[in-house]
Amino acid sequence: MKRIVTITFNPALDKSTVVPALLPDKKLKCSVPVFQPGGGGVNVARAIVKLGGTATAVYLAGGHTGAFFHDLLEAELVASIRIPIAGITRENLILYNNSTKEQFLLDMPGPQVTQEEWQHFQLRLEALTRDAAFVVASGSLPPGVPANAFSVAGRIAQQNGAAFVVDTSGEPLKLAANSGVYFLKPNLGELAALTGKDKLTGEEVVHAAQQVLDQEGCEFLVVSLGAAGAMLVERKKVHRIQAPVVKRLSTVGAGDSMVAGIVTKLAAGEDILQAVKYGVACGTAATMHPGTTLCKQEDADVLFRSMG
């Protein structure tokens, strides 16, 4: 299997718990919390390992939560390289309300990253991606990291001959789109923003995706359609991939699981269509479990076989 490196600029220690009911001004009795290392690229690496592959997670982290974060990754047998910063790695809270069966994700801001820390990260990244076949950059940016961070990572990956994959949003996505990307994985809202529109419907989705391919130089777009699956858009072909129908308990981690499934299959030599089909199966598999649980290989494989 070809070497995969994932990049996470803004990792988070995810803390999940359950309350009987969510009521104001009351002391809420919580279940025993579950701690997991999170953040886009880290989750992609974790999911790749769960799918039987290997990946190296490169991330910025600091403080006591950063040290705990590293220990959690080691416990999951995920190869990782922590680039130290002075700031304390953020914590997110995932709260499940048992009375309404609703889940709440409290997404905290990341720590401030200094200019010196950002420059050090770039230097390390150049060496760490030198023999990688795929570099996956995913997630948000913490304060201090410039909006063009994904573009910078893309140029480094391209110089090292690696296929660069991006899953982010907002201005960082716009700037990353023209940095030699192998494929982008926007959702409908992110694709609309890339093409300067408020929303997209019907065939507008295809036209918008092809517009991005023509203008930005990406090889493929994998447009996430949520419960409906995904759309793989090539320059002359469009493939609509229907997601299997399952009982969905949580959508947290579904996108990262999808990316992990796609890249795992690509690294194993599969073509892009089969890889995206497997990615949809992995993303769907992640929704079958509560909290921040990622896909499980046995679920993903069963769903993939059911897709024909």
Protein backbone atom coordinates (compact mmCIF):
# COMPACT_ATOMS: atom_id res chain seq x y z
CA MET A 1 0.00 0.00 0.00
CA LYS A 2 1.32 3.42 -0.95
CA ARG A 3 2.24 5.81 1.87
CA ILE A 4 -0.44 8.25 3.07
CA VAL A 5 0.21 11.37 5.16
CA THR A 6 -2.61 13.40 6.68
CA ILE A 7 -2.34 17.01 7.85
CA THR A 8 -4.37 18.53 10.68
CA PHE A 9 -3.82 22.21 11.45
CA ASN A 10 -6.46 22.39 14.19
CA PRO A 11 -6.84 19.05 16.03
CA ALA A 12 -9.28 18.67 18.90
CA LEU A 13 -9.66 16.39 21.87
CA ASP A 14 -13.25 15.22 21.49
CA LYS A 15 -15.14 14.53 24.73
CA SER A 16 -18.49 12.75 24.32
CA THR A 17 -21.13 12.23 26.98
CA VAL A 18 -24.87 11.53 27.38
CA VAL A 19 -27.39 13.41 29.54
CA PRO A 20 -30.96 12.20 30.35
CA ALA A 21 -32.32 15.59 29.31
CA LEU A 22 -30.92 18.99 28.36
CA LEU A 23 -32.41 21.54 30.76
CA PRO A 24 -31.31 25.12 31.60
CA ASP A 25 -30.08 26.09 35.08
CA LYS A 26 -29.90 22.46 36.21
CA LYS A 27 -26.98 20.27 37.21
CA LEU A 28 -26.96 17.73 34.38
CA LYS A 29 -25.81 14.24 35.33
CA CYS A 30 -23.54 13.02 32.54
CA SER A 31 -22.47 9.54 31.54
CA VAL A 32 -18.81 8.55 31.80
CA PRO A 33 -17.10 10.67 29.11
CA VAL A 34 -15.40 9.10 26.11
CA PHE A 35 -12.22 10.81 24.90
CA GLN A 36 -11.08 10.56 21.28
CA PRO A 37 -8.46 12.36 19.20
CA GLY A 38 -10.22 14.42 16.54
CA GLY A 39 -9.80 16.95 13.76
CA GLY A 40 -10.13 16.38 10.02
CA GLY A 41 -6.80 14.84 9.02
CA VAL A 42 -6.39 12.96 12.29
CA ASN A 43 -9.82 11.39 11.83
CA VAL A 44 -8.94 10.42 8.27
CA ALA A 45 -5.77 8.67 9.50
CA ARG A 46 -7.70 6.94 12.30
CA ALA A 47 -10.34 5.73 9.85
CA ILE A 48 -7.69 4.45 7.43
CA VAL A 49 -6.22 2.34 10.22
CA LYS A 50 -9.71 1.05 11.10
CA LEU A 51 -10.05 0.03 7.44
CA GLY A 52 -6.86 -2.01 7.60
CA GLY A 53 -4.56 0.57 6.02
CA THR A 54 -1.72 2.70 7.32
CA ALA A 55 -1.33 6.46 7.48
CA THR A 56 0.84 8.97 9.29
CA ALA A 57 -1.00 11.84 10.97
CA VAL A 58 0.95 15.11 11.11
CA TYR A 59 -0.58 17.75 13.37
CA LEU A 60 0.02 20.84 15.51
CA ALA A 61 -0.53 20.30 19.24
CA GLY A 62 0.46 21.65 22.62
CA GLY A 63 -0.18 21.63 26.35
CA HIS A 64 -1.58 18.85 28.52
CA THR A 65 -4.40 18.14 26.07
CA GLY A 66 -1.86 17.85 23.26
CA ALA A 67 0.08 15.23 25.25
CA PHE A 68 -3.12 13.29 26.04
CA PHE A 69 -4.11 13.57 22.38
CA HIS A 70 -0.82 11.94 21.36
CA ASP A 71 -1.34 9.11 23.86
CA LEU A 72 -4.81 8.43 22.48
CA LEU A 73 -3.46 8.17 18.94
CA GLU A 74 -0.76 5.76 20.08
CA ALA A 75 -3.41 3.63 21.80
CA GLU A 76 -5.22 3.34 18.43
CA LEU A 77 -1.93 2.35 16.74
CA VAL A 78 -2.02 5.41 14.49
CA ALA A 79 1.43 6.57 13.42
CA SER A 80 1.67 10.26 14.23
CA ILE A 81 4.09 13.17 14.26
CA ARG A 82 3.25 15.99 16.63
CA ILE A 83 4.58 19.44 15.71
CA PRO A 84 4.72 21.24 19.08
CA ILE A 85 3.17 24.64 19.73
CA ALA A 86 2.95 26.70 22.92
CA GLY A 87 -0.85 26.91 22.85
CA ILE A 88 -3.07 24.28 24.45
CA THR A 89 -4.86 21.92 22.04
CA ARG A 90 -8.59 22.62 22.06
CA GLU A 91 -11.30 20.35 23.46
CA ASN A 92 -14.68 19.81 21.80
CA LEU A 93 -17.77 18.60 23.63
CA ILE A 94 -20.25 16.23 22.00
CA LEU A 95 -23.46 16.08 24.04
CA TYR A 96 -26.21 13.54 23.38
CA ASN A 97 -29.66 14.36 24.78
CA ASN A 98 -31.22 10.99 25.53
CA SER A 99 -34.74 12.37 25.97
CA THR A 100 -34.95 13.86 22.47
CA LYS A 101 -32.31 11.67 20.75
CA GLU A 102 -30.54 14.85 19.61
CA GLN A 103 -26.81 15.37 19.46
CA PHE A 104 -25.02 18.68 20.03
CA LEU A 105 -21.46 19.44 18.93
CA LEU A 106 -19.76 22.29 20.79
CA ASP A 107 -16.87 23.20 18.51
CA MET A 108 -14.21 25.21 20.36
CA PRO A 109 -11.71 27.60 18.71
CA GLY A 110 -8.14 26.43 18.37
CA PRO A 111 -5.08 27.86 20.10
CA GLN A 112 -3.09 30.77 18.72
CA VAL A 113 -0.25 29.64 16.46
CA THR A 114 2.74 31.96 16.20
CA GLN A 115 4.48 32.91 12.97
CA GLU A 116 7.57 31.00 14.08
CA GLU A 117 5.51 27.88 14.79
CA TRP A 118 3.83 28.11 11.40
CA GLN A 119 7.18 28.45 9.62
CA HIS A 120 8.56 25.48 11.55
CA PHE A 121 5.52 23.43 10.54
CA GLN A 122 6.14 24.19 6.87
CA LEU A 123 9.76 23.11 7.10
CA ARG A 124 8.83 19.86 8.81
CA LEU A 125 6.06 19.20 6.30
CA GLU A 126 8.46 19.39 3.37
CA ALA A 127 10.52 16.54 4.83
CA LEU A 128 7.61 14.50 6.16
CA THR A 129 5.80 14.32 2.81
CA ARG A 130 8.86 13.57 0.69
CA ASP A 131 8.06 9.89 0.07
CA ALA A 132 4.27 10.07 0.37
CA ALA A 133 2.00 9.00 -2.48
CA PHE A 134 -1.05 10.80 -1.02
CA VAL A 135 -1.22 13.86 1.23
CA VAL A 136 -4.64 14.58 2.76
CA ALA A 137 -5.23 17.99 4.36
CA SER A 138 -8.53 18.27 6.18
CA GLY A 139 -10.33 20.35 8.78
CA SER A 140 -10.31 23.95 9.97
CA LEU A 141 -7.53 26.44 10.73
CA PRO A 142 -6.59 27.76 14.18
CA PRO A 143 -5.86 31.44 14.80
CA GLY A 144 -2.48 32.47 13.44
CA VAL A 145 -2.40 29.97 10.58
CA PRO A 146 -2.98 31.86 7.31
CA ALA A 147 -5.98 31.16 5.08
CA ASN A 148 -3.65 29.89 2.34
CA ALA A 149 -2.30 27.10 4.57
CA PHE A 150 -3.89 24.38 2.43
CA SER A 151 -2.39 25.99 -0.69
CA VAL A 152 1.04 25.97 0.94
CA ALA A 153 0.64 22.31 1.88
CA GLY A 154 -0.54 21.57 -1.66
CA ARG A 155 2.52 23.14 -3.24
CA ILE A 156 4.79 21.15 -0.93
CA ALA A 157 2.94 17.91 -1.74
CA GLN A 158 3.06 18.65 -5.46
CA GLN A 159 6.80 19.36 -5.34
CA ASN A 160 7.28 15.99 -3.65
CA GLY A 161 5.19 14.22 -6.29
CA ALA A 162 2.29 13.34 -3.98
CA ALA A 163 -1.40 13.46 -4.91
CA PHE A 164 -2.98 16.20 -2.77
CA VAL A 165 -6.48 15.80 -1.33
CA VAL A 166 -8.38 18.61 0.39
CA ASP A 167 -11.48 18.65 2.60
CA THR A 168 -12.11 22.06 4.14
CA SER A 169 -14.45 25.02 3.72
CA GLY A 170 -14.68 28.78 3.30
CA GLU A 171 -11.76 30.91 2.14
CA PRO A 172 -9.17 28.13 2.74
CA LEU A 173 -11.08 25.91 0.30
CA LYS A 174 -11.20 28.64 -2.36
CA LEU A 175 -7.47 29.23 -2.03
CA ALA A 176 -6.64 25.52 -2.01
CA ALA A 177 -8.63 24.71 -5.15
CA ASN A 178 -5.89 25.95 -7.49
CA SER A 179 -2.92 24.44 -5.64
CA GLY A 180 -2.52 21.27 -7.67
CA VAL A 181 -5.30 19.30 -5.97
CA TYR A 182 -5.92 15.68 -6.97
CA PHE A 183 -9.45 15.84 -5.66
CA LEU A 184 -11.61 18.11 -3.51
CA LYS A 185 -14.50 16.85 -1.39
CA PRO A 186 -16.93 19.76 -1.03
CA ASN A 187 -20.53 19.42 0.10
CA LEU A 188 -23.28 21.24 -1.81
CA GLY A 189 -22.92 24.45 0.20
CA GLU A 190 -19.15 24.52 -0.21
CA LEU A 191 -19.41 23.84 -3.95
CA ALA A 192 -21.93 26.68 -4.29
CA ALA A 193 -19.55 29.04 -2.48
CA LEU A 194 -16.68 28.00 -4.76
CA THR A 195 -18.70 29.12 -7.77
CA GLY A 196 -20.08 32.29 -6.18
CA LYS A 197 -23.65 31.07 -5.64
CA ASP A 198 -25.89 30.83 -2.60
CA LYS A 199 -27.16 27.33 -3.40
CA LEU A 200 -27.25 24.73 -6.14
CA THR A 201 -30.06 22.50 -7.36
CA GLY A 202 -30.41 19.76 -9.98
CA GLU A 203 -28.02 19.97 -12.90
CA GLU A 204 -26.52 23.16 -11.46
CA VAL A 205 -24.45 20.87 -9.25
CA VAL A 206 -22.82 19.20 -12.25
CA HIS A 207 -22.21 22.50 -14.03
CA ALA A 208 -20.68 24.04 -10.90
CA ALA A 209 -18.40 21.05 -10.37
CA GLN A 210 -17.22 21.09 -13.98
CA GLN A 211 -16.63 24.83 -13.69
CA VAL A 212 -14.32 24.21 -10.72
CA LEU A 213 -12.48 21.50 -12.65
CA ASP A 214 -12.00 23.78 -15.66
CA GLN A 215 -10.93 26.85 -13.70
CA GLU A 216 -8.93 25.39 -10.85
CA GLY A 217 -7.12 22.45 -12.42
CA CYS A 218 -8.35 19.71 -10.06
CA GLU A 219 -8.47 16.22 -11.51
CA PHE A 220 -11.70 15.19 -9.78
CA LEU A 221 -14.42 16.53 -7.54
CA VAL A 222 -16.19 14.30 -5.05
CA VAL A 223 -19.33 16.19 -4.08
CA SER A 224 -20.80 14.97 -0.81
CA LEU A 225 -24.60 14.73 -0.93
CA GLY A 226 -25.17 13.61 2.66
CA ALA A 227 -27.70 10.78 2.98
CA ALA A 228 -28.06 10.73 -0.82
CA GLY A 229 -24.44 9.63 -1.31
CA ALA A 230 -21.96 11.45 -3.53
CA MET A 231 -21.24 12.62 -7.04
CA LEU A 232 -17.90 11.91 -8.72
CA VAL A 233 -17.28 14.54 -11.38
CA GLU A 234 -14.56 14.07 -13.98
CA ARG A 235 -13.94 16.34 -16.93
CA LYS A 236 -16.07 14.26 -19.28
CA LYS A 237 -18.00 11.97 -16.93
CA VAL A 238 -20.35 12.27 -13.99
CA HIS A 239 -21.07 9.34 -11.66
CA ARG A 240 -23.90 9.51 -9.12
CA ILE A 241 -23.33 7.12 -6.26
CA GLN A 242 -26.34 6.31 -4.10
CA ALA A 243 -25.66 5.73 -0.41
CA PRO A 244 -27.07 2.56 1.19
CA VAL A 245 -30.08 3.13 3.42
CA VAL A 246 -29.28 2.70 7.12
CA LYS A 247 -30.54 3.96 10.46
CA ARG A 248 -28.46 7.07 11.07
CA LEU A 249 -27.42 7.82 14.65
CA SER A 250 -24.80 10.52 14.02
CA THR A 251 -23.25 12.27 11.03
CA VAL A 252 -20.11 13.37 12.93
CA GLY A 253 -17.10 11.77 11.28
CA ALA A 254 -18.96 10.65 8.15
CA GLY A 255 -17.06 13.01 5.85
CA ASP A 256 -13.68 12.01 7.28
CA SER A 257 -14.63 8.34 6.93
CA MET A 258 -15.59 8.93 3.30
CA VAL A 259 -12.23 10.52 2.52
CA ALA A 260 -10.44 7.71 4.35
CA GLY A 261 -12.25 5.06 2.32
CA ILE A 262 -11.47 6.78 -0.98
CA VAL A 263 -7.78 7.27 -0.25
CA THR A 264 -7.37 3.78 1.20
CA LYS A 265 -8.63 2.22 -2.03
CA LEU A 266 -6.61 4.59 -4.23
CA ALA A 267 -3.45 3.75 -2.28
CA ALA A 268 -4.22 0.06 -2.85
CA GLY A 269 -4.42 0.63 -6.61
CA GLU A 270 -8.19 0.87 -7.18
CA ASP A 271 -9.60 3.24 -9.80
CA ILE A 272 -11.28 6.46 -8.71
CA LEU A 273 -14.87 5.27 -9.26
CA GLN A 274 -14.51 2.14 -7.13
CA ALA A 275 -12.62 4.17 -4.53
CA VAL A 276 -15.43 6.73 -4.28
CA LYS A 277 -18.05 3.98 -4.03
CA TYR A 278 -16.12 2.52 -1.12
CA GLY A 279 -15.81 5.99 0.38
CA VAL A 280 -19.60 6.39 0.31
CA ALA A 281 -19.92 3.01 2.05
CA CYS A 282 -17.45 4.15 4.72
CA GLY A 283 -19.20 7.47 5.24
CA THR A 284 -22.53 5.68 5.59
CA ALA A 285 -21.01 3.15 7.99
CA ALA A 286 -19.90 5.99 10.27
CA THR A 287 -23.49 7.24 10.60
CA MET A 288 -24.59 3.91 12.07
CA HIS A 289 -22.89 4.68 15.38
CA PRO A 290 -23.46 7.47 17.93
CA GLY A 291 -21.08 10.22 19.00
CA THR A 292 -17.84 10.69 17.10
CA THR A 293 -17.35 7.02 16.22
CA LEU A 294 -15.76 6.58 12.79
CA CYS A 295 -16.53 3.84 10.29
CA LYS A 296 -15.89 0.19 11.07
CA GLN A 297 -14.39 -1.99 8.37
CA GLU A 298 -16.91 -4.80 8.75
CA ASP A 299 -19.83 -2.37 8.32
CA ALA A 300 -18.19 -0.59 5.38
CA ASP A 301 -17.41 -3.85 3.57
CA VAL A 302 -20.98 -5.16 3.96
CA LEU A 303 -22.44 -1.88 2.70
CA PHE A 304 -19.99 -1.74 -0.21
CA ARG A 305 -20.96 -5.22 -1.36
CA SER A 306 -24.64 -4.25 -1.18
CA MET A 307 -24.03 -1.35 -3.58
CA GLY A 308 -23.27 -3.65 -6.51
